[in-house]
Protein backbone atom coordinates (compact mmCIF):
# COMPACT_ATOMS: atom_id res chain seq x y z
CA SER A 1 -24.02 -0.36 15.88
CA ARG A 2 -20.90 -1.25 13.94
CA SER A 3 -21.30 -2.17 10.30
CA ASN A 4 -20.29 -5.54 8.95
CA VAL A 5 -18.33 -3.84 6.19
CA GLN A 6 -15.36 -1.54 6.48
CA HIS A 7 -15.16 0.38 3.20
CA ARG A 8 -12.01 1.66 1.58
CA PRO A 9 -12.11 4.31 -1.14
CA ASP A 10 -11.86 2.78 -4.60
CA TRP A 11 -12.51 5.45 -7.17
CA SER A 12 -12.40 3.02 -10.08
CA ARG A 13 -15.43 1.08 -8.84
CA GLY A 14 -17.14 3.24 -6.23
CA ARG A 15 -17.96 2.24 -2.68
CA THR A 16 -20.30 -0.67 -2.25
CA SER A 17 -22.76 1.34 -0.15
CA ASP A 18 -22.80 4.19 -2.67
CA ARG A 19 -23.99 2.11 -5.59
CA PRO A 20 -27.53 3.07 -6.66
CA ARG A 21 -30.21 0.47 -6.88
CA PRO A 22 -31.28 -0.10 -10.49
CA LEU A 23 -34.66 1.21 -11.55
CA VAL A 24 -37.11 -0.79 -13.67
CA PRO A 25 -39.89 0.61 -15.87
CA ALA A 26 -43.14 1.74 -14.27
CA THR A 27 -45.83 -0.87 -13.59
CA ALA A 28 -49.28 -0.85 -15.13
CA GLU A 29 -50.53 1.13 -12.14
CA GLY A 30 -47.95 3.83 -12.91
CA LYS A 31 -45.79 3.11 -9.88
CA THR A 32 -42.04 2.82 -10.31
CA CYS A 33 -40.50 -0.35 -8.91
CA VAL A 34 -37.12 -0.32 -7.21
CA MET A 35 -35.39 -3.69 -7.35
CA PRO A 36 -32.69 -4.04 -4.68
CA ARG A 37 -29.44 -5.76 -5.68
CA ALA A 38 -29.16 -7.62 -2.39
CA THR A 39 -27.34 -10.60 -3.86
CA ALA A 40 -24.72 -8.53 -5.69
CA VAL A 41 -24.14 -6.20 -2.76
CA SER A 42 -23.91 -9.15 -0.38
CA ALA A 43 -21.30 -10.80 -2.60
CA ASP A 44 -19.29 -7.57 -2.78
CA ALA A 45 -19.40 -7.18 1.00
CA ARG A 46 -18.34 -10.78 1.47
CA ARG A 47 -15.31 -10.32 -0.79
CA THR A 48 -14.40 -7.03 0.89
CA ASN A 49 -14.59 -8.55 4.36
CA ALA A 50 -12.58 -11.59 3.29
CA ALA A 51 -9.89 -9.32 1.86
CA LEU A 52 -9.73 -7.32 5.11
CA ILE A 53 -9.30 -10.44 7.22
CA PHE A 54 -6.84 -12.12 4.89
CA GLU A 55 -4.67 -9.01 4.57
CA ARG A 56 -4.64 -8.69 8.36
CA LEU A 57 -3.20 -12.19 8.61
CA LEU A 58 -0.73 -11.50 5.77
CA ASP A 59 0.64 -8.42 7.51
CA HIS A 60 0.45 -9.37 11.18
CA GLY A 61 0.86 -13.11 11.30
CA PRO A 62 -0.84 -15.43 13.79
CA CYS A 63 -3.70 -13.87 15.74
CA SER A 64 -7.06 -14.72 17.24
CA ARG A 65 -10.52 -14.02 15.88
CA LYS A 66 -10.94 -11.40 18.59
CA ALA A 67 -7.79 -9.59 17.43
CA ILE A 68 -9.15 -9.63 13.87
CA ARG A 69 -12.47 -8.17 15.04
CA GLU A 70 -10.72 -5.39 16.91
CA ALA A 71 -8.41 -4.57 14.00
CA THR A 72 -11.04 -4.60 11.24
CA GLY A 73 -14.15 -3.41 13.06
CA LEU A 74 -16.12 -6.39 11.76
CA VAL A 75 -18.71 -8.01 14.00
CA SER A 76 -18.18 -11.43 15.52
CA GLY A 77 -20.55 -13.34 13.23
CA THR A 78 -18.92 -11.93 10.10
CA VAL A 79 -15.41 -12.80 11.26
CA THR A 80 -16.48 -16.31 12.24
CA ALA A 81 -18.16 -16.93 8.87
CA ILE A 82 -15.31 -15.54 6.76
CA VAL A 83 -12.63 -17.37 8.73
CA ALA A 84 -14.56 -20.59 8.19
CA GLU A 85 -14.52 -19.92 4.44
CA LEU A 86 -10.79 -19.21 4.45
CA ILE A 87 -10.16 -22.43 6.37
CA ALA A 88 -12.29 -24.36 3.86
CA ARG A 89 -10.11 -22.97 1.06
CA GLY A 90 -6.95 -24.08 2.83
CA LEU A 91 -5.68 -20.51 3.21
CA VAL A 92 -5.96 -20.35 7.00
CA ARG A 93 -5.60 -22.92 9.74
CA GLU A 94 -6.05 -23.08 13.48
CA THR A 95 -2.63 -23.70 14.96
CA GLY A 96 -3.89 -25.53 18.02
CA GLU A 97 -2.39 -22.85 20.23
CA LEU A 98 -4.52 -20.97 22.72
CA VAL A 99 -4.04 -17.48 24.12
CA ALA A 100 -5.36 -16.61 27.57
CA THR A 101 -7.54 -13.48 27.71
CA GLY A 102 -8.82 -13.62 31.25
CA GLY A 103 -11.96 -15.30 29.95
CA ARG A 104 -12.42 -18.09 27.46
CA PRO A 105 -9.11 -18.99 25.72
CA ARG A 106 -8.83 -17.80 22.12
CA ARG A 107 -7.70 -20.08 19.33
CA ILE A 108 -4.87 -18.77 17.15
CA LEU A 109 -5.24 -18.52 13.38
CA ASP A 110 -2.37 -18.53 10.90
CA LEU A 111 -1.87 -18.49 7.14
CA VAL A 112 -0.95 -21.55 5.13
CA PRO A 113 1.65 -20.01 2.77
CA GLY A 114 2.03 -23.10 0.59
CA ARG A 115 -1.65 -23.24 -0.35
CA VAL A 116 -1.12 -20.68 -3.17
CA LEU A 117 1.81 -20.69 -5.56
CA GLY A 118 2.69 -18.22 -8.31
CA ALA A 119 5.41 -17.65 -10.87
CA ALA A 120 7.75 -14.66 -10.54
CA ALA A 121 9.47 -14.08 -13.89
CA ALA A 122 12.30 -11.56 -14.34
CA VAL A 123 13.28 -10.54 -17.87
CA THR A 124 16.67 -9.01 -18.67
CA LYS A 125 18.19 -8.20 -22.03
CA ASP A 126 19.60 -11.71 -22.46
CA ARG A 127 17.90 -14.05 -19.93
CA VAL A 128 14.55 -15.02 -18.46
CA GLY A 129 14.46 -16.36 -14.92
CA VAL A 130 11.35 -17.82 -13.26
CA GLU A 131 10.75 -18.84 -9.66
CA LEU A 132 7.73 -20.65 -8.32
CA VAL A 133 7.05 -19.01 -4.95
CA ASP A 134 4.46 -19.33 -2.20
CA LEU A 135 2.74 -16.57 -0.22
CA GLY A 136 5.60 -16.55 2.27
CA GLY A 137 8.14 -15.85 -0.47
CA ARG A 138 9.68 -19.32 -0.31
CA THR A 139 11.03 -20.64 -3.62
CA ARG A 140 9.57 -24.05 -4.56
CA TRP A 141 11.14 -24.34 -8.04
CA SER A 142 13.27 -22.18 -10.31
CA ALA A 143 14.80 -22.16 -13.77
CA SER A 144 16.32 -19.72 -16.22
CA THR A 145 17.20 -19.68 -19.88
CA PRO A 146 18.95 -17.32 -22.28
CA HIS A 147 17.09 -15.57 -25.08
CA ARG A 148 18.17 -13.53 -28.10
CA GLY A 149 15.60 -10.75 -27.82
CA ALA A 150 18.30 -8.06 -27.94
CA VAL A 151 19.40 -9.39 -31.34
CA GLU A 152 16.38 -11.04 -32.93
CA GLY A 153 13.45 -9.15 -31.39
CA ALA A 154 10.32 -10.41 -29.67
CA ALA A 155 10.00 -14.00 -30.92
CA PRO A 156 12.84 -15.64 -28.93
CA LEU A 157 11.92 -13.70 -25.80
CA VAL A 158 8.26 -14.76 -26.02
CA ALA A 159 9.21 -18.39 -26.65
CA ALA A 160 11.59 -18.49 -23.67
CA LEU A 161 9.09 -16.84 -21.33
CA ALA A 162 6.18 -19.07 -22.36
CA GLY A 163 8.26 -22.21 -21.99
CA LEU A 164 9.33 -21.35 -18.45
CA LEU A 165 5.81 -20.34 -17.38
CA ASP A 166 4.52 -23.70 -18.63
CA ASP A 167 7.27 -25.41 -16.65
CA ALA A 168 6.39 -23.39 -13.54
CA ARG A 169 2.76 -24.45 -13.75
CA ASP A 170 3.79 -28.08 -14.20
CA ALA A 171 5.98 -27.75 -11.09
CA ALA A 172 3.05 -26.28 -9.15
CA ASP A 173 0.87 -29.23 -10.14
CA GLY A 174 3.41 -31.46 -8.45
CA VAL A 175 3.07 -29.73 -5.05
CA PRO A 176 0.39 -31.51 -2.97
CA GLY A 177 -2.48 -29.27 -1.93
CA ALA A 178 -1.22 -26.20 -3.82
CA TRP A 179 -3.27 -23.94 -6.09
CA TYR A 180 -1.55 -22.04 -8.91
CA SER A 181 -2.57 -18.36 -9.12
CA GLY A 182 -0.68 -17.26 -12.24
CA ALA A 183 2.41 -15.23 -13.02
CA VAL A 184 3.93 -11.80 -12.54
CA VAL A 185 6.51 -10.78 -15.15
CA ALA A 186 8.95 -7.90 -14.53
CA VAL A 187 10.59 -6.20 -17.51
CA PRO A 188 13.06 -3.29 -17.80
CA GLY A 189 10.90 -0.84 -19.73
CA LEU A 190 7.69 1.18 -19.84
CA VAL A 191 4.63 -1.00 -19.33
CA VAL A 192 1.09 0.01 -20.32
CA GLY A 193 -2.00 -1.57 -18.83
CA ASP A 194 -0.23 -4.47 -17.09
CA ASP A 195 0.05 -6.33 -20.40
CA ARG A 196 1.98 -4.33 -23.03
CA LEU A 197 5.67 -3.42 -23.18
CA LEU A 198 5.74 0.05 -24.70
CA ILE A 199 9.49 0.52 -24.97
CA THR A 200 12.71 -0.83 -23.47
CA LEU A 201 16.22 0.48 -23.97
CA GLU A 202 17.61 -3.00 -23.33
CA MET A 203 16.14 -4.55 -26.50
CA PRO A 204 14.83 -3.35 -29.89
CA LEU A 205 11.20 -3.85 -28.83
CA ARG A 206 8.41 -1.31 -29.32
CA ASP A 207 4.71 -1.60 -28.43
CA LEU A 208 4.90 -5.33 -27.77
CA ALA A 209 1.72 -7.10 -26.58
CA LEU A 210 3.87 -9.36 -24.43
CA VAL A 211 1.10 -10.89 -22.33
CA GLU A 212 -1.08 -11.68 -25.34
CA GLN A 213 1.77 -13.16 -27.36
CA THR A 214 3.07 -15.19 -24.43
CA GLY A 215 -0.41 -16.43 -23.59
CA SER A 216 -0.94 -17.66 -27.14
CA ARG A 217 2.08 -19.98 -26.79
CA LEU A 218 1.14 -21.52 -23.43
CA ARG A 219 -0.02 -25.11 -23.26
CA ARG A 220 -2.65 -24.06 -20.70
CA PRO A 221 -3.88 -20.50 -20.13
CA GLN A 222 -2.88 -18.71 -16.94
CA PRO A 223 -3.24 -15.14 -15.60
CA ILE A 224 -0.16 -13.03 -16.39
CA ARG A 225 0.52 -9.55 -15.05
CA LEU A 226 3.28 -7.48 -16.64
CA LEU A 227 5.13 -4.95 -14.46
CA ASN A 228 7.96 -2.50 -14.92
CA SER A 229 11.01 -3.51 -12.87
CA GLY A 230 10.99 -0.19 -11.00
CA ARG A 231 7.41 -0.71 -9.92
CA THR A 232 8.14 -4.16 -8.59
CA ALA A 233 10.94 -2.61 -6.51
CA ALA A 234 8.45 -0.03 -5.20
CA LEU A 235 6.18 -2.84 -4.02
CA ALA A 236 9.13 -4.52 -2.32
CA GLU A 237 10.05 -1.38 -0.39
CA TRP A 238 6.46 -0.83 0.73
CA ALA A 239 6.17 -4.44 1.92
CA ALA A 240 9.42 -4.11 3.88
CA LEU A 241 8.08 -1.22 5.97
CA PRO A 242 6.69 -2.07 9.43
CA PRO A 243 2.90 -2.37 9.00
CA ALA A 244 2.24 0.26 11.66
CA GLY A 245 4.55 2.73 9.91
CA ARG A 246 3.27 2.36 6.36
CA PRO A 247 1.92 5.55 4.81
CA ARG A 248 -1.23 5.50 2.76
CA LEU A 249 0.78 6.68 -0.27
CA MET A 250 4.48 5.98 -0.88
CA ALA A 251 6.76 6.91 -3.77
CA TYR A 252 9.89 5.05 -4.83
CA VAL A 253 12.75 6.67 -6.75
CA ALA A 254 15.84 4.81 -7.93
CA SER A 255 18.74 5.86 -10.15
CA LEU A 256 20.08 3.12 -12.41
CA ALA A 257 22.86 2.64 -14.93
CA HIS A 258 20.78 3.95 -17.83
CA GLY A 259 17.84 5.77 -16.27
CA VAL A 260 15.72 6.62 -13.25
CA SER A 261 12.82 4.40 -12.25
CA GLY A 262 9.99 4.89 -9.80
CA GLY A 263 6.53 3.96 -8.69
CA LEU A 264 3.62 4.96 -6.47
CA VAL A 265 2.13 2.51 -3.96
CA GLU A 266 -1.18 3.17 -2.22
CA ASP A 267 -2.22 0.81 0.57
CA GLY A 268 0.00 -1.92 -0.83
CA ARG A 269 -1.14 -1.64 -4.45
CA LEU A 270 0.50 0.11 -7.37
CA VAL A 271 -1.08 3.31 -8.62
CA GLY A 272 -1.25 2.96 -12.38
CA GLY A 273 -3.01 6.07 -13.64
CA GLU A 274 -4.72 6.16 -17.02
CA HIS A 275 -2.21 3.93 -18.81
CA GLY A 276 -0.22 2.34 -15.99
CA LEU A 277 2.58 4.91 -16.15
CA ALA A 278 1.97 6.84 -12.91
CA GLY A 279 5.07 7.42 -10.81
CA GLU A 280 7.57 7.69 -13.68
CA VAL A 281 9.61 10.23 -11.74
CA GLY A 282 12.54 9.83 -14.12
CA HIS A 283 10.58 11.78 -16.72
CA ILE A 284 9.64 14.74 -14.55
CA VAL A 285 11.17 17.74 -16.33
CA VAL A 286 13.58 19.54 -14.01
CA ASP A 287 15.38 21.66 -16.65
CA ALA A 288 13.22 22.69 -19.61
CA LEU A 289 16.35 23.78 -21.53
CA GLY A 290 18.32 20.68 -20.65
CA GLU A 291 19.57 17.71 -22.64
CA PRO A 292 17.20 15.69 -24.87
CA CYS A 293 15.65 12.60 -23.28
CA GLU A 294 14.75 9.32 -24.99
CA CYS A 295 11.10 10.04 -24.13
CA GLY A 296 11.08 13.05 -26.49
CA ALA A 297 11.22 15.80 -23.86
CA ARG A 298 14.18 17.82 -22.60
CA GLY A 299 15.70 18.03 -19.17
CA CYS A 300 14.00 15.02 -17.59
CA LEU A 301 15.47 13.90 -14.28
CA THR A 302 16.97 10.84 -15.95
CA THR A 303 19.15 13.08 -18.18
CA LEU A 304 20.82 14.43 -15.04
CA LEU A 305 20.75 11.51 -12.63
CA ALA A 306 21.24 8.30 -14.63
CA THR A 307 24.70 6.94 -13.85
CA ASP A 308 25.83 6.84 -17.48
CA ARG A 309 24.85 10.51 -17.90
CA LEU A 310 26.80 11.45 -14.77
CA LEU A 311 29.88 9.63 -16.01
CA LEU A 312 29.71 11.35 -19.39
CA ALA A 313 29.33 14.73 -17.65
CA ALA A 314 32.39 13.86 -15.55
CA GLY A 315 34.43 13.42 -18.73
CA VAL A 316 34.54 9.63 -18.96
CA PRO A 317 34.65 8.61 -22.67
CA ALA A 318 31.42 7.17 -24.06
CA GLY A 319 33.08 3.86 -24.98
CA GLU A 320 34.25 3.33 -21.41
CA VAL A 321 30.83 4.25 -20.02
CA SER A 322 29.14 1.72 -22.27
CA ALA A 323 31.58 -1.02 -21.24
CA LEU A 324 31.12 -0.33 -17.51
CA GLY A 325 27.40 -1.12 -17.48
CA GLU A 326 26.17 -1.69 -13.90
CA GLY A 327 29.73 -1.22 -12.67
CA GLY A 328 29.58 2.43 -13.64
CA ILE A 329 28.41 3.45 -10.18
CA ASP A 330 31.67 2.17 -8.66
CA ARG A 331 33.66 4.27 -11.11
CA LEU A 332 31.57 7.34 -10.33
CA VAL A 333 31.98 6.91 -6.56
CA ARG A 334 35.76 6.69 -6.95
CA LEU A 335 35.78 9.94 -8.93
CA LEU A 336 33.72 11.64 -6.22
CA GLU A 337 35.93 10.35 -3.44
CA ASP A 338 38.96 11.64 -5.34
CA CYS A 339 37.31 15.10 -5.45
CA ASN A 340 37.09 15.06 -9.25
CA ALA A 341 35.66 18.51 -10.00
CA PRO A 342 33.54 17.64 -13.09
CA ALA A 343 32.09 14.60 -11.34
CA ARG A 344 31.17 16.57 -8.22
CA ALA A 345 29.64 19.37 -10.31
CA ALA A 346 27.54 16.87 -12.27
CA VAL A 347 26.31 15.12 -9.11
CA GLU A 348 25.48 18.43 -7.42
CA ARG A 349 23.41 19.47 -10.45
CA ALA A 350 21.68 16.08 -10.37
CA ALA A 351 20.99 16.45 -6.64
CA PHE A 352 19.14 19.72 -7.21
CA GLY A 353 17.20 18.02 -10.01
CA LEU A 354 16.26 15.16 -7.69
CA ALA A 355 15.18 17.63 -5.00
CA ALA A 356 13.02 19.50 -7.51
CA ALA A 357 11.46 16.27 -8.80
CA THR A 358 10.73 15.13 -5.24
CA ALA A 359 9.04 18.44 -4.45
CA THR A 360 6.99 18.23 -7.65
CA LEU A 361 5.98 14.67 -6.84
CA SER A 362 4.89 15.83 -3.40
CA ASN A 363 2.85 18.70 -4.84
CA LEU A 364 1.02 16.45 -7.29
CA THR A 365 0.32 13.47 -5.06
CA ASP A 366 0.70 14.58 -1.40
CA VAL A 367 2.82 11.46 -0.96
CA GLY A 368 3.63 10.58 2.65
CA LEU A 369 6.97 8.86 2.14
CA VAL A 370 9.64 8.84 -0.57
CA VAL A 371 12.02 5.87 -0.59
CA MET A 372 15.35 6.29 -2.37
CA GLY A 373 16.92 3.22 -3.95
CA GLY A 374 19.22 1.90 -6.63
CA HIS A 375 22.44 3.87 -7.15
CA LEU A 376 21.11 6.70 -4.97
CA LEU A 377 22.23 4.70 -1.95
CA ALA A 378 25.86 4.91 -3.08
CA LEU A 379 25.50 8.62 -3.92
CA ARG A 380 23.85 9.64 -0.67
CA PRO A 381 26.92 11.43 0.81
CA TRP A 382 26.88 13.82 -2.15
CA ILE A 383 23.15 14.26 -2.75
CA GLY A 384 21.40 13.70 0.59
CA GLY A 385 22.12 17.16 1.97
CA VAL A 386 20.66 18.94 -1.07
CA VAL A 387 17.38 16.99 -0.99
CA THR A 388 17.07 17.50 2.77
CA GLU A 389 17.72 21.24 2.47
CA VAL A 390 15.02 21.73 -0.17
CA LEU A 391 12.40 19.77 1.76
CA GLU A 392 13.26 21.43 5.07
CA SER A 393 12.88 24.87 3.49
CA ARG A 394 9.39 23.86 2.38
CA ALA A 395 8.61 22.46 5.81
CA ARG A 396 9.36 25.81 7.42
CA VAL A 397 6.39 27.19 5.49
CA ASN A 398 4.09 24.17 5.63
CA VAL A 399 5.09 21.46 8.06
CA VAL A 400 2.41 19.04 6.81
CA PHE A 401 2.73 19.23 3.04
CA ASN A 402 6.10 17.47 2.83
CA PRO A 403 7.01 13.80 2.58
CA ARG A 404 9.41 11.90 4.75
CA VAL A 405 12.45 10.61 2.88
CA ARG A 406 14.31 7.42 3.73
CA GLU A 407 16.76 4.99 2.21
CA GLY A 408 15.55 1.82 0.57
CA GLY A 409 17.45 -1.35 -0.05
CA ALA A 410 15.39 -3.41 2.38
CA ALA A 411 15.56 -6.45 0.11
CA GLU A 412 18.66 -7.80 -1.58
CA ASP A 413 16.67 -8.47 -4.75
CA THR A 414 13.94 -5.85 -4.84
CA VAL A 415 12.52 -7.01 -8.17
CA ARG A 416 11.96 -10.53 -6.85
CA ALA A 417 10.55 -9.26 -3.56
CA GLY A 418 8.22 -6.94 -5.46
CA MET A 419 6.89 -9.76 -7.61
CA VAL A 420 6.18 -11.83 -4.49
CA GLN A 421 4.27 -8.86 -3.05
CA ALA A 422 2.30 -8.52 -6.31
CA LEU A 423 1.30 -12.18 -6.13
CA ARG A 424 0.30 -11.78 -2.47
CA SER A 425 -1.78 -8.72 -3.37
CA ARG A 426 -3.55 -10.63 -6.14
CA VAL A 427 -4.69 -13.28 -3.69
CA GLY A 428 -5.36 -10.73 -0.94
CA ALA A 429 -7.72 -8.73 -3.16
CA ASP A 430 -10.09 -11.71 -3.46
CA PRO A 431 -9.07 -14.71 -1.35
CA LEU A 432 -12.45 -16.33 -1.92
CA ALA A 433 -11.40 -16.88 -5.54
CA VAL A 434 -9.18 -19.68 -4.25
CA PRO A 435 -11.19 -22.90 -4.60
CA VAL A 436 -12.39 -24.93 -1.64
CA VAL A 437 -10.07 -27.81 -0.82
CA ALA A 438 -11.47 -31.04 -2.20
């Protein structure tokens, strides 16, 4: 018979069915008692099943209970009970529509996107912008404010962020029937443990406990998750893939004005590693004798592929490169189109570095798909052939142990889209945490 629980590997916690029952000391008769943890296991199974059903509705939209049973492998009684709980929490509703099946008509279930709201906060070197969004990605409120973090350090940044998150929660309180789930904050820098900004080249900030400091200034506490901007873009690209075509493990690589960002996504959730830094492809060493990198190593991919490094290698003066900022990619493309020899040589060298980093990433993770984004989209005519050639040469030896590679850019604002996906994932991991509607 089919089990009520469909387990997914989760190496940080172990599978529910693999957890040992706790032992208690021997009784007076010398017999050891085994005390089953039925309540705890039952609660775990209930949360797991609710997450399976809720994520099915998130990804595939309106469907019947029968379709959910067939997709998840859960038995009828479990689906009926969990759906009833999701309806009680206002997350799911019956649309009133019926679908004919040749037997009894099936009632259609759909999500209620506006039941849960969350704040998506994007930090740049001189502004903080916050949107209050629902599970469908619709903006319900937004605001932005400048800060002087690049000049004065952490204090003005923390004050601006805390003020806008308080305002976002106040706005959520004004939406009838909505429950506020907390905030996701995206920053341009290395993030450790979803709460600490280790370093950012945009501002003079080092080892900043941004979540703790922001939380201490809030009028009311709220959950805050801190993410690197590149990782939020990785989530956006994964979410944009057709559900049937999503790999179990996807990597995202993007060249930017001042670096190379990336991230790993497994089954819709970011892979963090020991400190939350997994997927930093920009710091894979591709030339051990190469130029120094800000991370302390030499020859990292970012020293070859970052747009400012390419412009400097092409002979553009440092002052001009600094002034170009994000517009540097347009200048680089013009040089390439004009057949500028130094520019083409620099981009060719970077293309081989990208190919090597992609191959290394594949070796270490067995990733199924690599999505290229950022300035790589503009550079594709000059780098795409090199990456394809390297991977195809590997495929001739081992056709399986190679990732697919595709262009990204599915969302106009990948950072925003990634934060929406992070908020959806938070609710999807435990939808029963949403309170019952009063």
